[in-house]
Amino acid sequence: MKSNRKSARTTVKAIALGALFFGALTLVSIFLLVQAMDPCISLPLDCAACEKPTNLYRNPQPVIIEGYSDDCMEPFVTGDGNYLLFNNSNSPFVDTHIHLCKRVSKNHFQHLGFLAGSLSKSKDMAPTIDAHGKMFYTCLRSYQKDGHSIYCGNFAKEKLTNISLAPGQISGQKPAEINMDCDVSKDGNTLILSRAHFSNYLLPPDKSDLLLAEKENGEFRIDPAKQGLLSRVNTTTLEYAPCQSADRLELYFTRASKKPVDGARGKPEPYFRIMVARRQNISAPFDEPEKIETLDGFIEAPTVTDDKGELFFHKKVGDKFRIFCAERKTEK
């Protein structure tokens, strides 16, 4: 058992968040390899034909971040909508850290710089914060040592303190697996993780599903018996970047796959969409997810305010990722 675990850990270290880790490869050799490979190869085939559309959110508009013009990815908006957090590009060629912004007006935020206290010597990404100020995020500071990728700390007064590993055993134990990101419920008792598998560390994951972890005696635990709550959410495509609504009746996430180009015989193209799954009560399984059809393009990482009035996400525009905000359709 010990040798198998050691072998699995070694394999996971080599895979490490897909293209985020390249070990001893030089930048030149990485560039040549990536250019020669089709990024669609590892993506699963499209299943969108069976996805029901919804126009729950509409009128997506770019968010102005005053004082910042670089890539913006993996946004998180605090429940009151006053603060917006995000990370810059997660490319292997740049340092990736978490940024903090304060709202000025609708779709207008002031950049305050890196989130004080959060910087490590590795990549820091994808923040999520509960109602008590406990922040969880992806951090690779110890990944090559222990295989863990989810850290937490206390967010207050525009800084992060008391950083530690997320309590409990929530990391993958199989070869080539990693928790890419997570979302914490407002009461702080539930984490939804995206567990990814990489067949080739130069490509996107070939598998990614959402997992539910609940806090018991101060530690998070993944109970196999509770995963049925997500049975309609996970498919053969990639599901990741989750976000729970404050009442836990709605679950937003990214779904990605590849699909043929209409009228073309060439290679398939990546297909990203933001999904929402709903349920009647927090003990019930989520219903079949719906695709928010008013949001399109290279889109990922939804996050909503507590009142569900605004949905933020990132979208690739030209050669940069930008944050957009859509407003919820008024229900009659």
Protein backbone atom coordinates (compact mmCIF):
# COMPACT_ATOMS: atom_id res chain seq x y z
CA MET A 1 0.00 0.00 0.00
CA LYS A 2 2.81 2.41 0.92
CA SER A 3 4.67 1.81 -2.37
CA ASN A 4 1.48 2.32 -4.38
CA ARG A 5 0.80 5.57 -2.56
CA LYS A 6 4.36 6.73 -3.15
CA SER A 7 4.06 5.88 -6.84
CA ALA A 8 0.75 7.74 -7.10
CA ARG A 9 2.24 10.79 -5.37
CA THR A 10 5.18 10.78 -7.79
CA THR A 11 2.85 10.62 -10.78
CA VAL A 12 0.66 13.41 -9.46
CA LYS A 13 3.70 15.62 -8.92
CA ALA A 14 4.63 15.17 -12.57
CA ILE A 15 1.13 16.00 -13.79
CA ALA A 16 0.45 18.94 -11.45
CA LEU A 17 -2.36 21.09 -12.73
CA GLY A 18 -1.85 20.41 -16.39
CA ALA A 19 0.17 23.07 -18.10
CA LEU A 20 0.97 24.86 -14.83
CA PHE A 21 3.96 22.62 -14.12
CA PHE A 22 6.76 21.93 -16.56
CA GLY A 23 9.59 20.75 -14.30
CA ALA A 24 12.99 20.93 -15.91
CA LEU A 25 11.73 21.75 -19.40
CA THR A 26 13.18 25.00 -20.74
CA LEU A 27 10.85 27.77 -21.86
CA VAL A 28 11.90 27.23 -25.45
CA SER A 29 11.17 23.50 -25.42
CA ILE A 30 7.83 24.12 -23.70
CA PHE A 31 6.85 26.65 -26.34
CA LEU A 32 7.73 24.29 -29.19
CA LEU A 33 5.88 21.38 -27.61
CA VAL A 34 2.73 23.38 -26.92
CA GLN A 35 2.71 24.86 -30.41
CA ALA A 36 2.94 21.38 -31.91
CA MET A 37 0.05 19.95 -29.87
CA ASP A 38 -3.67 20.35 -30.37
CA PRO A 39 -5.18 21.61 -27.07
CA CYS A 40 -8.48 19.97 -28.02
CA ILE A 41 -6.98 16.48 -27.96
CA SER A 42 -7.64 15.88 -24.27
CA LEU A 43 -11.08 17.53 -24.16
CA PRO A 44 -14.02 15.08 -24.12
CA LEU A 45 -16.56 15.08 -26.92
CA ASP A 46 -19.51 17.45 -26.74
CA CYS A 47 -22.81 16.44 -25.11
CA ALA A 48 -24.52 19.81 -25.50
CA ALA A 49 -27.33 18.41 -27.65
CA CYS A 50 -29.14 17.35 -24.47
CA GLU A 51 -28.58 20.62 -22.56
CA LYS A 52 -31.63 22.73 -21.88
CA PRO A 53 -31.07 26.50 -22.34
CA THR A 54 -32.05 29.25 -19.91
CA ASN A 55 -31.88 33.04 -20.08
CA LEU A 56 -31.68 33.41 -16.29
CA TYR A 57 -29.00 36.09 -16.73
CA ARG A 58 -28.76 38.66 -19.49
CA ASN A 59 -26.96 41.72 -20.79
CA PRO A 60 -23.34 40.75 -19.98
CA GLN A 61 -21.12 43.82 -19.78
CA PRO A 62 -17.35 44.19 -19.30
CA VAL A 63 -16.26 45.18 -15.80
CA ILE A 64 -14.02 48.23 -15.53
CA ILE A 65 -11.11 47.68 -13.16
CA GLU A 66 -9.51 51.06 -12.66
CA GLY A 67 -5.74 50.89 -12.33
CA TYR A 68 -5.35 47.43 -13.85
CA SER A 69 -5.14 46.28 -17.47
CA ASP A 70 -3.69 42.75 -17.42
CA ASP A 71 -5.51 39.39 -17.48
CA CYS A 72 -8.35 38.86 -15.01
CA MET A 73 -9.40 35.28 -14.27
CA GLU A 74 -11.29 33.20 -11.68
CA PRO A 75 -13.36 36.08 -10.21
CA PHE A 76 -15.07 35.97 -6.84
CA VAL A 77 -17.50 38.63 -5.66
CA THR A 78 -18.23 39.00 -1.95
CA GLY A 79 -21.85 38.46 -1.00
CA ASP A 80 -22.57 42.16 -0.59
CA GLY A 81 -20.95 42.92 -3.95
CA ASN A 82 -18.47 45.38 -2.45
CA TYR A 83 -15.26 43.46 -3.22
CA LEU A 84 -14.10 41.61 -6.31
CA LEU A 85 -11.18 39.20 -6.14
CA PHE A 86 -9.48 37.51 -9.07
CA ASN A 87 -6.14 36.12 -10.20
CA ASN A 88 -4.09 37.25 -13.14
CA SER A 89 -3.18 34.81 -15.94
CA ASN A 90 -2.55 31.22 -14.88
CA SER A 91 -0.12 30.74 -17.77
CA PRO A 92 3.05 28.80 -16.83
CA PHE A 93 5.09 31.76 -18.08
CA VAL A 94 3.86 34.26 -15.45
CA ASP A 95 3.55 34.54 -11.68
CA THR A 96 -0.08 34.04 -10.70
CA HIS A 97 -1.48 35.72 -7.59
CA ILE A 98 -4.77 36.97 -6.16
CA HIS A 99 -5.81 40.61 -6.65
CA LEU A 100 -8.32 42.67 -4.68
CA CYS A 101 -10.70 45.35 -5.98
CA LYS A 102 -13.30 47.57 -4.31
CA ARG A 103 -16.54 48.59 -5.98
CA VAL A 104 -16.89 52.15 -7.20
CA SER A 105 -20.21 51.81 -8.99
CA LYS A 106 -22.07 49.31 -11.15
CA ASN A 107 -19.53 47.32 -13.21
CA HIS A 108 -16.76 49.65 -11.98
CA PHE A 109 -14.11 48.60 -9.44
CA GLN A 110 -10.89 50.15 -8.14
CA HIS A 111 -7.84 47.88 -8.17
CA LEU A 112 -6.21 47.76 -4.72
CA GLY A 113 -3.29 45.53 -5.69
CA PHE A 114 -2.39 42.00 -4.64
CA LEU A 115 -4.43 40.64 -1.75
CA ALA A 116 -2.15 41.39 1.19
CA GLY A 117 -0.92 38.26 2.95
CA SER A 118 -1.83 35.86 0.15
CA LEU A 119 1.33 35.86 -1.95
CA SER A 120 3.38 32.70 -2.06
CA LYS A 121 6.32 31.63 -4.21
CA SER A 122 3.96 29.43 -6.24
CA LYS A 123 0.64 30.07 -7.96
CA ASP A 124 -2.29 31.44 -5.90
CA MET A 125 -5.69 31.29 -7.60
CA ALA A 126 -9.48 30.97 -7.53
CA PRO A 127 -10.56 32.51 -4.19
CA THR A 128 -13.90 31.86 -2.47
CA ILE A 129 -15.05 33.33 0.87
CA ASP A 130 -17.80 32.32 3.31
CA ALA A 131 -19.98 34.68 5.34
CA HIS A 132 -17.55 34.54 8.28
CA GLY A 133 -14.58 35.68 6.22
CA LYS A 134 -12.90 32.29 5.82
CA MET A 135 -11.27 32.25 2.40
CA PHE A 136 -10.40 29.08 0.47
CA TYR A 137 -8.25 29.14 -2.63
CA THR A 138 -5.98 27.08 -4.87
CA CYS A 139 -2.35 27.35 -3.84
CA LEU A 140 0.50 25.20 -5.08
CA ARG A 141 3.05 26.12 -2.41
CA SER A 142 3.28 22.56 -1.08
CA TYR A 143 1.86 20.53 -3.94
CA GLN A 144 5.07 18.83 -4.95
CA LYS A 145 5.67 17.87 -1.33
CA ASP A 146 2.28 16.65 -0.13
CA GLY A 147 -0.15 16.70 -3.08
CA HIS A 148 -2.44 19.29 -1.46
CA SER A 149 -3.74 22.27 -3.45
CA ILE A 150 -6.53 23.88 -1.37
CA TYR A 151 -5.52 26.39 1.32
CA CYS A 152 -7.53 28.70 3.54
CA GLY A 153 -7.12 31.85 5.63
CA ASN A 154 -9.04 34.68 7.27
CA PHE A 155 -10.13 37.53 5.01
CA ALA A 156 -10.73 40.81 6.87
CA LYS A 157 -9.75 44.45 6.51
CA GLU A 158 -8.63 43.84 2.92
CA LYS A 159 -5.96 41.28 3.82
CA LEU A 160 -5.52 37.54 4.40
CA THR A 161 -4.12 36.10 7.63
CA ASN A 162 -3.68 32.74 9.38
CA ILE A 163 -3.05 30.75 6.20
CA SER A 164 -3.13 26.95 6.47
CA LEU A 165 -4.15 23.86 4.56
CA ALA A 166 -7.90 23.36 4.33
CA PRO A 167 -8.79 21.08 7.26
CA GLY A 168 -9.53 17.45 6.46
CA GLN A 169 -8.52 14.98 3.79
CA ILE A 170 -9.96 16.35 0.57
CA SER A 171 -7.06 15.87 -1.83
CA GLY A 172 -7.00 13.26 -4.58
CA GLN A 173 -5.29 9.97 -3.79
CA LYS A 174 -5.16 8.55 -7.32
CA PRO A 175 -2.39 9.11 -9.88
CA ALA A 176 -2.71 12.24 -12.02
CA GLU A 177 -5.54 13.79 -9.94
CA ILE A 178 -5.70 17.25 -8.37
CA ASN A 179 -8.28 19.62 -6.89
CA MET A 180 -8.22 22.49 -9.40
CA ASP A 181 -10.51 24.83 -7.47
CA CYS A 182 -13.40 24.93 -5.01
CA ASP A 183 -16.32 26.93 -3.66
CA VAL A 184 -17.37 27.27 -0.02
CA SER A 185 -20.96 27.70 1.14
CA LYS A 186 -21.86 30.85 3.03
CA ASP A 187 -22.18 28.97 6.32
CA GLY A 188 -18.69 27.54 5.80
CA ASN A 189 -19.80 23.93 6.17
CA THR A 190 -19.76 22.73 2.56
CA LEU A 191 -17.03 22.74 -0.06
CA ILE A 192 -17.65 21.84 -3.67
CA LEU A 193 -14.39 20.80 -5.30
CA SER A 194 -13.47 20.27 -8.93
CA ARG A 195 -11.38 17.09 -9.11
CA ALA A 196 -9.42 16.88 -12.36
CA HIS A 197 -7.42 14.13 -14.03
CA PHE A 198 -4.58 14.81 -16.48
CA SER A 199 -3.49 12.18 -18.98
CA ASN A 200 -0.92 14.58 -20.41
CA TYR A 201 0.50 17.42 -18.34
CA LEU A 202 0.95 19.59 -21.45
CA LEU A 203 -2.80 19.54 -22.18
CA PRO A 204 -6.05 20.43 -20.42
CA PRO A 205 -7.53 17.72 -18.18
CA ASP A 206 -9.28 14.81 -19.84
CA LYS A 207 -11.68 14.51 -16.89
CA SER A 208 -13.04 16.87 -14.25
CA ASP A 209 -16.03 16.35 -11.95
CA LEU A 210 -17.49 18.18 -8.98
CA LEU A 211 -17.29 16.64 -5.51
CA LEU A 212 -19.08 17.61 -2.32
CA ALA A 213 -17.21 17.80 1.00
CA GLU A 214 -18.94 18.56 4.29
CA LYS A 215 -17.45 19.69 7.58
CA GLU A 216 -17.57 17.23 10.46
CA ASN A 217 -15.87 18.01 13.78
CA GLY A 218 -13.99 20.89 12.20
CA GLU A 219 -12.69 18.95 9.18
CA PHE A 220 -14.01 18.53 5.65
CA ARG A 221 -14.83 15.03 4.50
CA ILE A 222 -15.86 13.67 1.11
CA ASP A 223 -18.67 11.22 1.87
CA PRO A 224 -19.31 8.88 -1.10
CA ALA A 225 -22.93 8.55 0.00
CA LYS A 226 -23.50 12.30 -0.49
CA GLN A 227 -22.16 12.49 -4.06
CA GLY A 228 -25.57 11.54 -5.43
CA LEU A 229 -26.59 15.16 -4.85
CA LEU A 230 -24.41 15.96 -7.89
CA SER A 231 -25.37 12.96 -10.02
CA ARG A 232 -27.11 15.07 -12.68
CA VAL A 233 -24.32 17.65 -12.71
CA ASN A 234 -21.34 15.48 -13.61
CA THR A 235 -21.03 14.11 -17.14
CA THR A 236 -18.34 12.81 -19.47
CA THR A 237 -17.48 16.45 -20.26
CA LEU A 238 -15.43 18.67 -17.91
CA GLU A 239 -17.21 20.28 -14.96
CA TYR A 240 -15.23 22.75 -12.85
CA ALA A 241 -15.12 26.27 -11.31
CA PRO A 242 -18.21 25.82 -9.07
CA CYS A 243 -20.19 28.51 -7.26
CA GLN A 244 -23.01 27.91 -4.78
CA SER A 245 -25.72 30.51 -4.30
CA ALA A 246 -26.11 31.86 -0.77
CA ASP A 247 -29.26 29.76 -0.20
CA ARG A 248 -27.50 26.68 -1.72
CA LEU A 249 -30.45 26.10 -4.05
CA GLU A 250 -28.46 26.98 -7.18
CA LEU A 251 -25.10 25.67 -8.34
CA TYR A 252 -23.20 27.46 -11.09
CA PHE A 253 -20.19 25.92 -12.84
CA THR A 254 -18.24 25.75 -16.08
CA ARG A 255 -18.70 22.89 -18.54
CA ALA A 256 -16.15 22.35 -21.32
CA SER A 257 -15.82 19.92 -24.20
CA LYS A 258 -15.00 19.92 -27.89
CA LYS A 259 -17.39 19.98 -30.82
CA PRO A 260 -17.11 19.83 -34.62
CA VAL A 261 -17.00 23.14 -36.45
CA ASP A 262 -20.21 23.59 -38.46
CA GLY A 263 -19.66 22.87 -42.12
CA ALA A 264 -15.96 22.13 -41.64
CA ARG A 265 -13.95 18.95 -41.85
CA GLY A 266 -11.07 20.25 -39.75
CA LYS A 267 -10.29 19.70 -36.11
CA PRO A 268 -13.01 20.26 -33.50
CA GLU A 269 -12.95 23.43 -31.44
CA PRO A 270 -13.25 23.93 -27.66
CA TYR A 271 -16.74 24.68 -26.38
CA PHE A 272 -17.24 26.44 -23.03
CA ARG A 273 -20.51 27.29 -21.31
CA ILE A 274 -21.71 28.41 -17.90
CA MET A 275 -24.29 26.09 -16.39
CA VAL A 276 -26.76 26.39 -13.53
CA ALA A 277 -28.38 23.52 -11.64
CA ARG A 278 -31.28 24.14 -9.28
CA ARG A 279 -33.12 22.26 -6.54
CA GLN A 280 -36.09 22.75 -4.21
CA ASN A 281 -34.26 22.25 -0.88
CA ILE A 282 -30.69 21.74 0.31
CA SER A 283 -31.24 18.04 1.02
CA ALA A 284 -32.38 17.27 -2.52
CA PRO A 285 -30.17 16.38 -5.49
CA PHE A 286 -29.63 19.14 -8.02
CA ASP A 287 -31.86 19.00 -11.09
CA GLU A 288 -30.55 18.66 -14.62
CA PRO A 289 -28.27 21.68 -15.27
CA GLU A 290 -29.24 24.33 -17.80
CA LYS A 291 -26.94 26.29 -20.08
CA ILE A 292 -27.12 30.07 -19.66
CA GLU A 293 -27.49 30.75 -23.37
CA THR A 294 -27.05 34.53 -23.13
CA LEU A 295 -23.38 34.03 -22.19
CA ASP A 296 -21.07 32.78 -24.93
CA GLY A 297 -17.47 32.62 -26.10
CA PHE A 298 -14.46 31.42 -24.10
CA ILE A 299 -16.19 31.83 -20.72
CA GLU A 300 -15.44 30.29 -17.32
CA ALA A 301 -15.64 30.72 -13.55
CA PRO A 302 -19.09 32.07 -12.56
CA THR A 303 -19.66 33.80 -9.21
CA VAL A 304 -22.86 35.42 -7.92
CA THR A 305 -23.80 37.96 -5.27
CA ASP A 306 -25.88 36.80 -2.31
CA ASP A 307 -29.08 38.22 -3.79
CA LYS A 308 -28.28 36.51 -7.15
CA GLY A 309 -28.72 39.87 -8.85
CA GLU A 310 -25.29 39.82 -10.52
CA LEU A 311 -23.26 37.03 -12.08
CA PHE A 312 -19.57 37.66 -12.74
CA PHE A 313 -17.36 35.48 -14.95
CA HIS A 314 -14.24 35.76 -17.07
CA LYS A 315 -14.16 35.78 -20.86
CA LYS A 316 -11.35 35.85 -23.36
CA VAL A 317 -11.41 39.01 -25.47
CA GLY A 318 -8.64 39.10 -28.06
CA ASP A 319 -5.53 37.87 -26.28
CA LYS A 320 -6.67 38.88 -22.77
CA PHE A 321 -9.10 37.50 -20.21
CA ARG A 322 -11.57 40.08 -18.90
CA ILE A 323 -14.26 39.98 -16.23
CA PHE A 324 -17.87 40.46 -17.28
CA CYS A 325 -21.05 40.94 -15.26
CA ALA A 326 -24.55 39.83 -16.26
CA GLU A 327 -27.76 40.81 -14.51
CA ARG A 328 -30.47 38.40 -13.43
CA LYS A 329 -33.64 38.39 -15.41
CA THR A 330 -36.60 39.68 -13.42
CA GLU A 331 -38.90 36.78 -12.67
CA LYS A 332 -42.60 37.56 -12.89
